[in-house]
Amino acid sequence: MKYTDNAINIITTKSFKGIGRAWINKNLKGNESVEYIVSLLNTKSKQFDLITNEDFEFEKKQVVNQIEKLEDSCDGVVAIGDKDFPKHRGTVKDSEKPIFLFYKGDLSLLDLDNDCIAVIGLLNPDETIESRERKIVEEIVKKDVTIVSGLAFGCDSIAHKQALIGGKTVAILPSPLSKILPARNKALAFEIFKEGGLLVTEYYDEHKSAMDLSSRYKDRDRLQALFCDAIILAASYAQDSAQRWKIFDQKLDSGARLAMGFAKDYNIPRAVMYDQNADIKNPMFDLNRQLIVEQKDITILTQKTLHKMIDKIKSSNKRKIEIQRDLFG
């Protein structure tokens, strides 16, 4: 498994009490010495006891032992400061910027010069929604754009499976690579990386509680927005759909709502699949309708608007690459 000393130092730093993404992004750039990191922990954090270099090295050894247990399921880990650590999209506050990622497959699919569109939605789409989503993903893949999604049942799985027909896809997980969630999609995860795609997660240990797992799903939704140039909502119930439609025997609200919210916060272009005539009375499009009303900059997908969005992404990313080349040679 591939990792740098810098990546282990970043992970070890986060293991100390009260240290999160915001603190690390504010205080570290990557590749600092253990001595420097320890001095920061002692002077710029709220550690109760003084930390020694020996304390840090002990914790670092525990981290390495845990990570090396992932050797059969993980290709490597990268962190801020590593040359191949992928740059996120959008405008993001420090507390939400990733600091390390575990991966299996082609990590370069997250590079800024690789066009990515996230396609997400609810867990139980009907056949019509599935057919429409497949056609959208097919059009995206034809344009040599990578599909990003969250490996969940329903719309996520549809997006991944359709992308595998002639394209590449990235699955962002709420779990360690050694414990794929949902477990019934383990075969799909295997197919994704075997076909040149990517599995990626921020976690190397299993969740400790239901609350912890819920938080990890939220972080998964955040990463879907961070690593795409645009995000498409196929279909989803809204937060109040159960009450509105008197459906109380199942959870209707989905992570798609959170992912679309993160994308808005990060200024990532957003689009929804929606046909006013066909979908007006379908509760599975509650969130789509809500977003159309609330967010005037959201795109309602047609073949024309989809191609326009893809062309805009490619043009924008090409310009970013040219600017980087001018700046860094």
C-alpha atoms as a PDB file:
ATOM      1  CA  MET A   1       0.000   0.000   0.000  1.00  0.00           C
ATOM      2  CA  LYS A   2       1.291   3.437  -0.962  1.00  0.00           C
ATOM      3  CA  TYR A   3       1.627   6.274   1.547  1.00  0.00           C
ATOM      4  CA  THR A   4       4.086   8.986   2.541  1.00  0.00           C
ATOM      5  CA  ASP A   5       5.443   9.897   5.942  1.00  0.00           C
ATOM      6  CA  ASN A   6       3.606  13.175   5.504  1.00  0.00           C
ATOM      7  CA  ALA A   7       0.251  11.377   5.130  1.00  0.00           C
ATOM      8  CA  ILE A   8       0.856   9.399   8.318  1.00  0.00           C
ATOM      9  CA  ASN A   9       1.777  12.605  10.169  1.00  0.00           C
ATOM     10  CA  ILE A  10      -1.452  14.303   9.040  1.00  0.00           C
ATOM     11  CA  ILE A  11      -3.594  11.331  10.101  1.00  0.00           C
ATOM     12  CA  THR A  12      -1.752  11.102  13.426  1.00  0.00           C
ATOM     13  CA  THR A  13      -2.276  14.806  14.080  1.00  0.00           C
ATOM     14  CA  LYS A  14      -6.020  14.399  13.596  1.00  0.00           C
ATOM     15  CA  SER A  15      -6.059  11.572  16.145  1.00  0.00           C
ATOM     16  CA  PHE A  16      -5.334  14.016  18.984  1.00  0.00           C
ATOM     17  CA  LYS A  17      -8.282  15.312  20.986  1.00  0.00           C
ATOM     18  CA  GLY A  18      -9.987  18.382  19.538  1.00  0.00           C
ATOM     19  CA  ILE A  19      -8.014  18.359  16.278  1.00  0.00           C
ATOM     20  CA  GLY A  20     -10.172  18.397  13.171  1.00  0.00           C
ATOM     21  CA  ARG A  21     -10.036  19.408   9.538  1.00  0.00           C
ATOM     22  CA  ALA A  22     -10.326  23.125  10.309  1.00  0.00           C
ATOM     23  CA  TRP A  23      -7.316  23.129  12.664  1.00  0.00           C
ATOM     24  CA  ILE A  24      -5.163  21.107  10.270  1.00  0.00           C
ATOM     25  CA  ASN A  25      -6.073  23.171   7.198  1.00  0.00           C
ATOM     26  CA  LYS A  26      -5.367  26.372   9.126  1.00  0.00           C
ATOM     27  CA  ASN A  27      -2.051  25.322  10.654  1.00  0.00           C
ATOM     28  CA  LEU A  28      -0.474  22.807   8.290  1.00  0.00           C
ATOM     29  CA  LYS A  29       0.429  22.784   4.612  1.00  0.00           C
ATOM     30  CA  GLY A  30       1.910  19.298   4.630  1.00  0.00           C
ATOM     31  CA  ASN A  31       5.439  17.879   4.989  1.00  0.00           C
ATOM     32  CA  GLU A  32       6.126  19.560   8.351  1.00  0.00           C
ATOM     33  CA  SER A  33       8.444  17.768  10.767  1.00  0.00           C
ATOM     34  CA  VAL A  34       7.140  15.879  13.798  1.00  0.00           C
ATOM     35  CA  GLU A  35       8.880  18.419  16.027  1.00  0.00           C
ATOM     36  CA  TYR A  36       7.072  21.327  14.353  1.00  0.00           C
ATOM     37  CA  ILE A  37       3.685  19.602  14.508  1.00  0.00           C
ATOM     38  CA  VAL A  38       4.165  18.789  18.189  1.00  0.00           C
ATOM     39  CA  SER A  39       5.078  22.398  18.936  1.00  0.00           C
ATOM     40  CA  LEU A  40       1.870  23.543  17.232  1.00  0.00           C
ATOM     41  CA  LEU A  41      -0.206  21.021  19.157  1.00  0.00           C
ATOM     42  CA  ASN A  42       1.263  22.350  22.393  1.00  0.00           C
ATOM     43  CA  THR A  43       0.862  26.044  21.585  1.00  0.00           C
ATOM     44  CA  LYS A  44      -2.100  26.359  19.210  1.00  0.00           C
ATOM     45  CA  SER A  45      -4.511  23.669  20.356  1.00  0.00           C
ATOM     46  CA  LYS A  46      -6.420  22.898  23.523  1.00  0.00           C
ATOM     47  CA  GLN A  47      -4.484  19.788  24.542  1.00  0.00           C
ATOM     48  CA  PHE A  48      -4.847  19.248  28.287  1.00  0.00           C
ATOM     49  CA  ASP A  49      -1.436  17.633  28.746  1.00  0.00           C
ATOM     50  CA  LEU A  50       1.891  18.547  27.166  1.00  0.00           C
ATOM     51  CA  ILE A  51       2.599  16.351  24.133  1.00  0.00           C
ATOM     52  CA  THR A  52       6.129  15.094  23.550  1.00  0.00           C
ATOM     53  CA  ASN A  53       7.737  13.918  20.331  1.00  0.00           C
ATOM     54  CA  GLU A  54       7.684  10.425  21.847  1.00  0.00           C
ATOM     55  CA  ASP A  55       3.920  10.682  22.395  1.00  0.00           C
ATOM     56  CA  PHE A  56       3.420  11.628  18.764  1.00  0.00           C
ATOM     57  CA  GLU A  57       5.663   8.816  17.505  1.00  0.00           C
ATOM     58  CA  PHE A  58       3.739   6.316  19.640  1.00  0.00           C
ATOM     59  CA  GLU A  59       0.411   7.443  18.168  1.00  0.00           C
ATOM     60  CA  LYS A  60       1.971   7.429  14.713  1.00  0.00           C
ATOM     61  CA  LYS A  61       2.962   3.787  15.126  1.00  0.00           C
ATOM     62  CA  GLN A  62      -0.638   2.900  16.070  1.00  0.00           C
ATOM     63  CA  VAL A  63      -1.884   4.658  12.938  1.00  0.00           C
ATOM     64  CA  VAL A  64       0.566   2.767  10.716  1.00  0.00           C
ATOM     65  CA  ASN A  65      -0.478  -0.537  12.277  1.00  0.00           C
ATOM     66  CA  GLN A  66      -4.145   0.219  11.559  1.00  0.00           C
ATOM     67  CA  ILE A  67      -3.524   1.386   8.017  1.00  0.00           C
ATOM     68  CA  GLU A  68      -1.376  -1.575   7.060  1.00  0.00           C
ATOM     69  CA  LYS A  69      -4.286  -3.861   7.948  1.00  0.00           C
ATOM     70  CA  LEU A  70      -6.000  -2.353   4.881  1.00  0.00           C
ATOM     71  CA  GLU A  71      -3.323  -3.596   2.487  1.00  0.00           C
ATOM     72  CA  ASP A  72      -5.614  -6.071   0.730  1.00  0.00           C
ATOM     73  CA  SER A  73      -8.423  -3.555   0.189  1.00  0.00           C
ATOM     74  CA  CYS A  74      -6.639  -0.214  -0.263  1.00  0.00           C
ATOM     75  CA  ASP A  75      -4.079   0.991  -2.806  1.00  0.00           C
ATOM     76  CA  GLY A  76      -2.938   3.918  -0.697  1.00  0.00           C
ATOM     77  CA  VAL A  77      -3.607   7.093   1.241  1.00  0.00           C
ATOM     78  CA  VAL A  78      -2.790  10.683   0.288  1.00  0.00           C
ATOM     79  CA  ALA A  79      -2.908  13.831   2.378  1.00  0.00           C
ATOM     80  CA  ILE A  80      -2.480  17.583   2.035  1.00  0.00           C
ATOM     81  CA  GLY A  81       1.095  18.259   0.996  1.00  0.00           C
ATOM     82  CA  ASP A  82       1.374  15.078  -1.084  1.00  0.00           C
ATOM     83  CA  LYS A  83       1.909  15.866  -4.767  1.00  0.00           C
ATOM     84  CA  ASP A  84      -0.949  13.597  -5.878  1.00  0.00           C
ATOM     85  CA  PHE A  85      -3.481  14.791  -3.285  1.00  0.00           C
ATOM     86  CA  PRO A  86      -6.509  15.826  -5.395  1.00  0.00           C
ATOM     87  CA  LYS A  87      -7.650  19.436  -5.351  1.00  0.00           C
ATOM     88  CA  HIS A  88     -11.268  19.932  -4.459  1.00  0.00           C
ATOM     89  CA  ARG A  89     -13.638  22.086  -6.510  1.00  0.00           C
ATOM     90  CA  GLY A  90     -15.626  25.063  -5.306  1.00  0.00           C
ATOM     91  CA  THR A  91     -15.278  27.615  -2.522  1.00  0.00           C
ATOM     92  CA  VAL A  92     -14.944  25.711   0.741  1.00  0.00           C
ATOM     93  CA  LYS A  93     -14.306  26.620   4.378  1.00  0.00           C
ATOM     94  CA  ASP A  94     -11.402  24.952   6.206  1.00  0.00           C
ATOM     95  CA  SER A  95     -13.626  22.686   8.291  1.00  0.00           C
ATOM     96  CA  GLU A  96     -14.974  21.028   5.125  1.00  0.00           C
ATOM     97  CA  LYS A  97     -11.795  20.725   3.052  1.00  0.00           C
ATOM     98  CA  PRO A  98     -10.509  17.125   2.986  1.00  0.00           C
ATOM     99  CA  ILE A  99      -7.145  16.501   4.608  1.00  0.00           C
ATOM    100  CA  PHE A 100      -6.531  12.868   3.658  1.00  0.00           C
ATOM    101  CA  LEU A 101      -8.141  10.247   1.425  1.00  0.00           C
ATOM    102  CA  PHE A 102      -7.891   6.473   1.223  1.00  0.00           C
ATOM    103  CA  TYR A 103      -8.308   5.097  -2.283  1.00  0.00           C
ATOM    104  CA  LYS A 104      -8.402   2.052  -4.507  1.00  0.00           C
ATOM    105  CA  GLY A 105      -8.130   2.526  -8.249  1.00  0.00           C
ATOM    106  CA  ASP A 106      -7.221   5.487 -10.430  1.00  0.00           C
ATOM    107  CA  LEU A 107      -6.782   8.495  -8.130  1.00  0.00           C
ATOM    108  CA  SER A 108      -6.103  10.787 -11.111  1.00  0.00           C
ATOM    109  CA  LEU A 109      -9.837  10.687 -11.905  1.00  0.00           C
ATOM    110  CA  LEU A 110     -10.222  13.374  -9.214  1.00  0.00           C
ATOM    111  CA  ASP A 111      -7.648  15.690 -10.826  1.00  0.00           C
ATOM    112  CA  LEU A 112      -8.865  19.130 -11.833  1.00  0.00           C
ATOM    113  CA  ASP A 113      -8.081  18.397 -15.473  1.00  0.00           C
ATOM    114  CA  ASN A 114     -10.442  15.408 -15.459  1.00  0.00           C
ATOM    115  CA  ASP A 115     -14.047  16.509 -15.950  1.00  0.00           C
ATOM    116  CA  CYS A 116     -16.415  15.030 -13.346  1.00  0.00           C
ATOM    117  CA  ILE A 117     -20.182  15.199 -12.888  1.00  0.00           C
ATOM    118  CA  ALA A 118     -21.935  13.757  -9.844  1.00  0.00           C
ATOM    119  CA  VAL A 119     -25.266  12.008 -10.432  1.00  0.00           C
ATOM    120  CA  ILE A 120     -27.264  11.254  -7.300  1.00  0.00           C
ATOM    121  CA  GLY A 121     -30.792  10.581  -6.099  1.00  0.00           C
ATOM    122  CA  LEU A 122     -33.162   8.493  -4.024  1.00  0.00           C
ATOM    123  CA  LEU A 123     -32.898   4.831  -3.017  1.00  0.00           C
ATOM    124  CA  ASN A 124     -36.041   3.487  -4.691  1.00  0.00           C
ATOM    125  CA  PRO A 125     -36.582   5.126  -8.100  1.00  0.00           C
ATOM    126  CA  ASP A 126     -39.332   3.781 -10.335  1.00  0.00           C
ATOM    127  CA  GLU A 127     -38.587   2.298 -13.755  1.00  0.00           C
ATOM    128  CA  THR A 128     -39.276   5.562 -15.566  1.00  0.00           C
ATOM    129  CA  ILE A 129     -36.795   7.478 -13.416  1.00  0.00           C
ATOM    130  CA  GLU A 130     -34.188   4.747 -13.928  1.00  0.00           C
ATOM    131  CA  SER A 131     -34.626   4.857 -17.705  1.00  0.00           C
ATOM    132  CA  ARG A 132     -34.335   8.653 -17.816  1.00  0.00           C
ATOM    133  CA  GLU A 133     -31.291   8.667 -15.538  1.00  0.00           C
ATOM    134  CA  ARG A 134     -29.536   6.038 -17.651  1.00  0.00           C
ATOM    135  CA  LYS A 135     -30.000   8.157 -20.766  1.00  0.00           C
ATOM    136  CA  ILE A 136     -28.514  11.203 -19.012  1.00  0.00           C
ATOM    137  CA  VAL A 137     -25.482   9.263 -17.762  1.00  0.00           C
ATOM    138  CA  GLU A 138     -25.034   7.744 -21.221  1.00  0.00           C
ATOM    139  CA  GLU A 139     -24.896  11.231 -22.762  1.00  0.00           C
ATOM    140  CA  ILE A 140     -22.393  12.412 -20.135  1.00  0.00           C
ATOM    141  CA  VAL A 141     -20.085   9.434 -20.642  1.00  0.00           C
ATOM    142  CA  LYS A 142     -20.137   9.980 -24.421  1.00  0.00           C
ATOM    143  CA  LYS A 143     -18.511  13.360 -23.719  1.00  0.00           C
ATOM    144  CA  ASP A 144     -15.630  11.663 -21.861  1.00  0.00           C
ATOM    145  CA  VAL A 145     -16.807  12.906 -18.456  1.00  0.00           C
ATOM    146  CA  THR A 146     -16.333  10.819 -15.296  1.00  0.00           C
ATOM    147  CA  ILE A 147     -19.430   9.992 -13.228  1.00  0.00           C
ATOM    148  CA  VAL A 148     -19.209  10.527  -9.449  1.00  0.00           C
ATOM    149  CA  SER A 149     -21.713   9.032  -7.002  1.00  0.00           C
ATOM    150  CA  GLY A 150     -22.018   7.476  -3.547  1.00  0.00           C
ATOM    151  CA  LEU A 151     -22.492   3.707  -4.171  1.00  0.00           C
ATOM    152  CA  ALA A 152     -25.909   3.779  -2.465  1.00  0.00           C
ATOM    153  CA  PHE A 153     -28.819   1.734  -3.741  1.00  0.00           C
ATOM    154  CA  GLY A 154     -31.121   3.246  -6.339  1.00  0.00           C
ATOM    155  CA  CYS A 155     -29.977   6.270  -8.313  1.00  0.00           C
ATOM    156  CA  ASP A 156     -26.334   6.034  -7.199  1.00  0.00           C
ATOM    157  CA  SER A 157     -26.043   2.422  -8.343  1.00  0.00           C
ATOM    158  CA  ILE A 158     -27.788   3.244 -11.630  1.00  0.00           C
ATOM    159  CA  ALA A 159     -25.283   6.038 -12.281  1.00  0.00           C
ATOM    160  CA  HIS A 160     -22.269   3.814 -11.552  1.00  0.00           C
ATOM    161  CA  LYS A 161     -23.547   0.863 -13.607  1.00  0.00           C
ATOM    162  CA  GLN A 162     -24.436   2.981 -16.626  1.00  0.00           C
ATOM    163  CA  ALA A 163     -21.077   4.785 -16.454  1.00  0.00           C
ATOM    164  CA  LEU A 164     -19.278   1.435 -16.579  1.00  0.00           C
ATOM    165  CA  ILE A 165     -20.702   0.940 -20.072  1.00  0.00           C
ATOM    166  CA  GLY A 166     -17.927   2.729 -21.905  1.00  0.00           C
ATOM    167  CA  GLY A 167     -16.854   5.196 -19.233  1.00  0.00           C
ATOM    168  CA  LYS A 168     -15.271   5.716 -15.817  1.00  0.00           C
ATOM    169  CA  THR A 169     -16.875   6.253 -12.434  1.00  0.00           C
ATOM    170  CA  VAL A 170     -15.844   7.282  -8.916  1.00  0.00           C
ATOM    171  CA  ALA A 171     -17.615   5.926  -5.824  1.00  0.00           C
ATOM    172  CA  ILE A 172     -17.279   7.958  -2.637  1.00  0.00           C
ATOM    173  CA  LEU A 173     -17.817   5.870   0.493  1.00  0.00           C
ATOM    174  CA  PRO A 174     -18.882   6.535   4.101  1.00  0.00           C
ATOM    175  CA  SER A 175     -16.867   3.520   5.257  1.00  0.00           C
ATOM    176  CA  PRO A 176     -13.347   2.089   5.153  1.00  0.00           C
ATOM    177  CA  LEU A 177     -12.428   0.247   1.974  1.00  0.00           C
ATOM    178  CA  SER A 178     -12.174  -2.951   3.990  1.00  0.00           C
ATOM    179  CA  LYS A 179     -15.858  -2.676   4.954  1.00  0.00           C
ATOM    180  CA  ILE A 180     -17.808  -1.481   1.907  1.00  0.00           C
ATOM    181  CA  LEU A 181     -21.186   0.085   2.659  1.00  0.00           C
ATOM    182  CA  PRO A 182     -23.751  -0.867   1.631  1.00  0.00           C
ATOM    183  CA  ALA A 183     -22.422  -4.431   1.855  1.00  0.00           C
ATOM    184  CA  ARG A 184     -24.724  -5.618  -0.942  1.00  0.00           C
ATOM    185  CA  ASN A 185     -22.912  -3.262  -3.323  1.00  0.00           C
ATOM    186  CA  LYS A 186     -19.501  -4.791  -2.652  1.00  0.00           C
ATOM    187  CA  ALA A 187     -19.554  -6.519  -6.056  1.00  0.00           C
ATOM    188  CA  LEU A 188     -20.342  -3.207  -7.756  1.00  0.00           C
ATOM    189  CA  ALA A 189     -17.450  -1.557  -5.901  1.00  0.00           C
ATOM    190  CA  PHE A 190     -15.137  -4.335  -7.094  1.00  0.00           C
ATOM    191  CA  GLU A 191     -16.301  -3.868 -10.688  1.00  0.00           C
ATOM    192  CA  ILE A 192     -15.730  -0.090 -10.492  1.00  0.00           C
ATOM    193  CA  PHE A 193     -12.028  -0.295  -9.679  1.00  0.00           C
ATOM    194  CA  LYS A 194     -11.446  -3.353 -11.892  1.00  0.00           C
ATOM    195  CA  GLU A 195     -12.781  -1.321 -14.832  1.00  0.00           C
ATOM    196  CA  GLY A 196     -10.374   1.558 -14.200  1.00  0.00           C
ATOM    197  CA  GLY A 197     -12.535   3.576 -11.822  1.00  0.00           C
ATOM    198  CA  LEU A 198     -11.949   4.739  -8.260  1.00  0.00           C
ATOM    199  CA  LEU A 199     -13.176   4.054  -4.727  1.00  0.00           C
ATOM    200  CA  VAL A 200     -12.363   6.776  -2.209  1.00  0.00           C
ATOM    201  CA  THR A 201     -13.092   7.462   1.462  1.00  0.00           C
ATOM    202  CA  GLU A 202     -11.916   9.557   4.405  1.00  0.00           C
ATOM    203  CA  TYR A 203     -12.131   6.588   6.776  1.00  0.00           C
ATOM    204  CA  TYR A 204      -9.816   3.742   7.728  1.00  0.00           C
ATOM    205  CA  ASP A 205     -11.687   2.532  10.815  1.00  0.00           C
ATOM    206  CA  GLU A 206     -15.261   1.342  11.307  1.00  0.00           C
ATOM    207  CA  HIS A 207     -17.941   3.614  12.738  1.00  0.00           C
ATOM    208  CA  LYS A 208     -18.402   3.532  16.508  1.00  0.00           C
ATOM    209  CA  SER A 209     -22.101   4.346  16.743  1.00  0.00           C
ATOM    210  CA  ALA A 210     -25.217   5.064  14.706  1.00  0.00           C
ATOM    211  CA  MET A 211     -24.548   8.786  15.194  1.00  0.00           C
ATOM    212  CA  ASP A 212     -20.984   8.369  13.937  1.00  0.00           C
ATOM    213  CA  LEU A 213     -22.230   6.512  10.851  1.00  0.00           C
ATOM    214  CA  SER A 214     -24.803   9.229  10.171  1.00  0.00           C
ATOM    215  CA  SER A 215     -22.012  11.818  10.318  1.00  0.00           C
ATOM    216  CA  ARG A 216     -19.941   9.771   7.888  1.00  0.00           C
ATOM    217  CA  TYR A 217     -22.784   9.637   5.380  1.00  0.00           C
ATOM    218  CA  LYS A 218     -23.036  13.409   5.626  1.00  0.00           C
ATOM    219  CA  ASP A 219     -19.307  13.697   4.929  1.00  0.00           C
ATOM    220  CA  ARG A 220     -19.737  11.337   1.967  1.00  0.00           C
ATOM    221  CA  ASP A 221     -22.404  13.686   0.596  1.00  0.00           C
ATOM    222  CA  ARG A 222     -20.035  16.628   1.074  1.00  0.00           C
ATOM    223  CA  LEU A 223     -17.234  14.902  -0.874  1.00  0.00           C
ATOM    224  CA  GLN A 224     -19.601  14.175  -3.755  1.00  0.00           C
ATOM    225  CA  ALA A 225     -20.050  17.932  -4.124  1.00  0.00           C
ATOM    226  CA  LEU A 226     -16.361  18.732  -3.566  1.00  0.00           C
ATOM    227  CA  PHE A 227     -15.076  16.444  -6.291  1.00  0.00           C
ATOM    228  CA  CYS A 228     -17.434  17.288  -9.135  1.00  0.00           C
ATOM    229  CA  ASP A 229     -17.604  20.104 -11.663  1.00  0.00           C
ATOM    230  CA  ALA A 230     -21.409  19.897 -11.588  1.00  0.00           C
ATOM    231  CA  ILE A 231     -23.990  17.824  -9.750  1.00  0.00           C
ATOM    232  CA  ILE A 232     -27.213  16.341 -11.126  1.00  0.00           C
ATOM    233  CA  LEU A 233     -30.178  15.277  -9.023  1.00  0.00           C
ATOM    234  CA  ALA A 234     -32.087  12.497 -10.774  1.00  0.00           C
ATOM    235  CA  ALA A 235     -34.968  12.420  -8.283  1.00  0.00           C
ATOM    236  CA  SER A 236     -35.495  12.646  -4.547  1.00  0.00           C
ATOM    237  CA  TYR A 237     -38.110  13.082  -1.890  1.00  0.00           C
ATOM    238  CA  ALA A 238     -37.876  16.292   0.129  1.00  0.00           C
ATOM    239  CA  GLN A 239     -37.405  16.596   3.882  1.00  0.00           C
ATOM    240  CA  ASP A 240     -41.163  16.931   4.451  1.00  0.00           C
ATOM    241  CA  SER A 241     -42.328  14.372   1.891  1.00  0.00           C
ATOM    242  CA  ALA A 242     -43.380  11.736   4.434  1.00  0.00           C
ATOM    243  CA  GLN A 243     -45.668  14.222   6.160  1.00  0.00           C
ATOM    244  CA  ARG A 244     -46.948  15.701   2.907  1.00  0.00           C
ATOM    245  CA  TRP A 245     -47.873  12.373   1.332  1.00  0.00           C
ATOM    246  CA  LYS A 246     -48.736  10.520   4.577  1.00  0.00           C
ATOM    247  CA  ILE A 247     -46.059   7.876   3.972  1.00  0.00           C
ATOM    248  CA  PHE A 248     -44.829   6.815   7.417  1.00  0.00           C
ATOM    249  CA  ASP A 249     -43.592   3.267   6.863  1.00  0.00           C
ATOM    250  CA  GLN A 250     -40.241   4.231   5.331  1.00  0.00           C
ATOM    251  CA  LYS A 251     -37.535   6.899   5.466  1.00  0.00           C
ATOM    252  CA  LEU A 252     -37.990   9.139   2.449  1.00  0.00           C
ATOM    253  CA  ASP A 253     -35.480  11.954   3.008  1.00  0.00           C
ATOM    254  CA  SER A 254     -32.111  11.094   1.457  1.00  0.00           C
ATOM    255  CA  GLY A 255     -28.510  12.207   1.383  1.00  0.00           C
ATOM    256  CA  ALA A 256     -29.183  13.713  -2.034  1.00  0.00           C
ATOM    257  CA  ARG A 257     -30.690  16.730  -0.273  1.00  0.00           C
ATOM    258  CA  LEU A 258     -27.485  17.227   1.709  1.00  0.00           C
ATOM    259  CA  ALA A 259     -25.245  16.809  -1.336  1.00  0.00           C
ATOM    260  CA  MET A 260     -27.259  19.393  -3.283  1.00  0.00           C
ATOM    261  CA  GLY A 261     -27.036  21.749  -0.306  1.00  0.00           C
ATOM    262  CA  PHE A 262     -23.261  21.368  -0.112  1.00  0.00           C
ATOM    263  CA  ALA A 263     -22.984  22.005  -3.860  1.00  0.00           C
ATOM    264  CA  LYS A 264     -24.932  25.252  -3.461  1.00  0.00           C
ATOM    265  CA  ASP A 265     -22.692  26.341  -0.578  1.00  0.00           C
ATOM    266  CA  TYR A 266     -19.571  25.578  -2.633  1.00  0.00           C
ATOM    267  CA  ASN A 267     -20.855  27.346  -5.775  1.00  0.00           C
ATOM    268  CA  ILE A 268     -20.867  24.084  -7.742  1.00  0.00           C
ATOM    269  CA  PRO A 269     -23.276  24.142 -10.744  1.00  0.00           C
ATOM    270  CA  ARG A 270     -26.464  22.187 -10.008  1.00  0.00           C
ATOM    271  CA  ALA A 271     -29.045  20.574 -12.264  1.00  0.00           C
ATOM    272  CA  VAL A 272     -32.208  18.523 -11.790  1.00  0.00           C
ATOM    273  CA  MET A 273     -34.043  16.000 -13.910  1.00  0.00           C
ATOM    274  CA  TYR A 274     -37.618  17.250 -14.195  1.00  0.00           C
ATOM    275  CA  ASP A 275     -40.551  17.287 -16.607  1.00  0.00           C
ATOM    276  CA  GLN A 276     -43.365  19.552 -15.464  1.00  0.00           C
ATOM    277  CA  ASN A 277     -46.053  17.532 -17.246  1.00  0.00           C
ATOM    278  CA  ALA A 278     -44.874  14.053 -16.249  1.00  0.00           C
ATOM    279  CA  ASP A 279     -43.506  14.674 -12.755  1.00  0.00           C
ATOM    280  CA  ILE A 280     -45.847  17.227 -11.185  1.00  0.00           C
ATOM    281  CA  LYS A 281     -47.721  14.677  -9.025  1.00  0.00           C
ATOM    282  CA  ASN A 282     -44.851  12.279  -8.358  1.00  0.00           C
ATOM    283  CA  PRO A 283     -43.592  12.579  -4.735  1.00  0.00           C
ATOM    284  CA  MET A 284     -40.224  11.204  -5.860  1.00  0.00           C
ATOM    285  CA  PHE A 285     -39.599  14.615  -7.447  1.00  0.00           C
ATOM    286  CA  ASP A 286     -40.462  16.689  -4.361  1.00  0.00           C
ATOM    287  CA  LEU A 287     -36.865  17.844  -3.848  1.00  0.00           C
ATOM    288  CA  ASN A 288     -36.424  18.604  -7.538  1.00  0.00           C
ATOM    289  CA  ARG A 289     -39.506  20.845  -7.495  1.00  0.00           C
ATOM    290  CA  GLN A 290     -38.385  22.520  -4.290  1.00  0.00           C
ATOM    291  CA  LEU A 291     -34.926  23.313  -5.649  1.00  0.00           C
ATOM    292  CA  ILE A 292     -36.356  24.741  -8.881  1.00  0.00           C
ATOM    293  CA  VAL A 293     -38.466  27.178  -6.845  1.00  0.00           C
ATOM    294  CA  GLU A 294     -35.796  28.103  -4.297  1.00  0.00           C
ATOM    295  CA  GLN A 295     -32.665  28.249  -6.481  1.00  0.00           C
ATOM    296  CA  LYS A 296     -33.023  30.380  -9.564  1.00  0.00           C
ATOM    297  CA  ASP A 297     -29.596  29.363 -10.891  1.00  0.00           C
ATOM    298  CA  ILE A 298     -30.417  25.657 -11.037  1.00  0.00           C
ATOM    299  CA  THR A 299     -30.600  23.975 -14.449  1.00  0.00           C
ATOM    300  CA  ILE A 300     -33.595  21.904 -15.514  1.00  0.00           C
ATOM    301  CA  LEU A 301     -32.149  19.165 -17.696  1.00  0.00           C
ATOM    302  CA  THR A 302     -32.995  18.737 -21.339  1.00  0.00           C
ATOM    303  CA  GLN A 303     -30.644  17.340 -23.965  1.00  0.00           C
ATOM    304  CA  LYS A 304     -29.758  20.901 -24.924  1.00  0.00           C
ATOM    305  CA  THR A 305     -29.098  22.175 -21.376  1.00  0.00           C
ATOM    306  CA  LEU A 306     -27.132  19.023 -20.520  1.00  0.00           C
ATOM    307  CA  HIS A 307     -24.787  19.468 -23.487  1.00  0.00           C
ATOM    308  CA  LYS A 308     -24.465  23.170 -22.708  1.00  0.00           C
ATOM    309  CA  MET A 309     -23.489  22.373 -19.110  1.00  0.00           C
ATOM    310  CA  ILE A 310     -20.896  19.821 -20.218  1.00  0.00           C
ATOM    311  CA  ASP A 311     -19.392  22.214 -22.784  1.00  0.00           C
ATOM    312  CA  LYS A 312     -19.164  24.918 -20.126  1.00  0.00           C
ATOM    313  CA  ILE A 313     -17.378  22.561 -17.737  1.00  0.00           C
ATOM    314  CA  LYS A 314     -14.858  21.537 -20.382  1.00  0.00           C
ATOM    315  CA  SER A 315     -14.215  25.123 -21.414  1.00  0.00           C
ATOM    316  CA  SER A 316     -13.777  26.258 -17.797  1.00  0.00           C
ATOM    317  CA  ASN A 317     -11.434  23.399 -16.877  1.00  0.00           C
ATOM    318  CA  LYS A 318      -9.359  23.956 -20.015  1.00  0.00           C
ATOM    319  CA  ARG A 319      -8.940  27.609 -19.017  1.00  0.00           C
ATOM    320  CA  LYS A 320      -7.912  26.629 -15.452  1.00  0.00           C
ATOM    321  CA  ILE A 321      -5.232  24.299 -16.820  1.00  0.00           C
ATOM    322  CA  GLU A 322      -3.890  27.022 -19.111  1.00  0.00           C
ATOM    323  CA  ILE A 323      -3.672  29.455 -16.184  1.00  0.00           C
ATOM    324  CA  GLN A 324      -1.826  26.862 -14.058  1.00  0.00           C
ATOM    325  CA  ARG A 325       0.643  26.241 -16.862  1.00  0.00           C
ATOM    326  CA  ASP A 326       1.265  29.961 -17.224  1.00  0.00           C
ATOM    327  CA  LEU A 327       1.853  30.325 -13.488  1.00  0.00           C
ATOM    328  CA  PHE A 328       3.950  27.222 -12.857  1.00  0.00           C
ATOM    329  CA  GLY A 329       5.427  26.476 -16.252  1.00  0.00           C
END
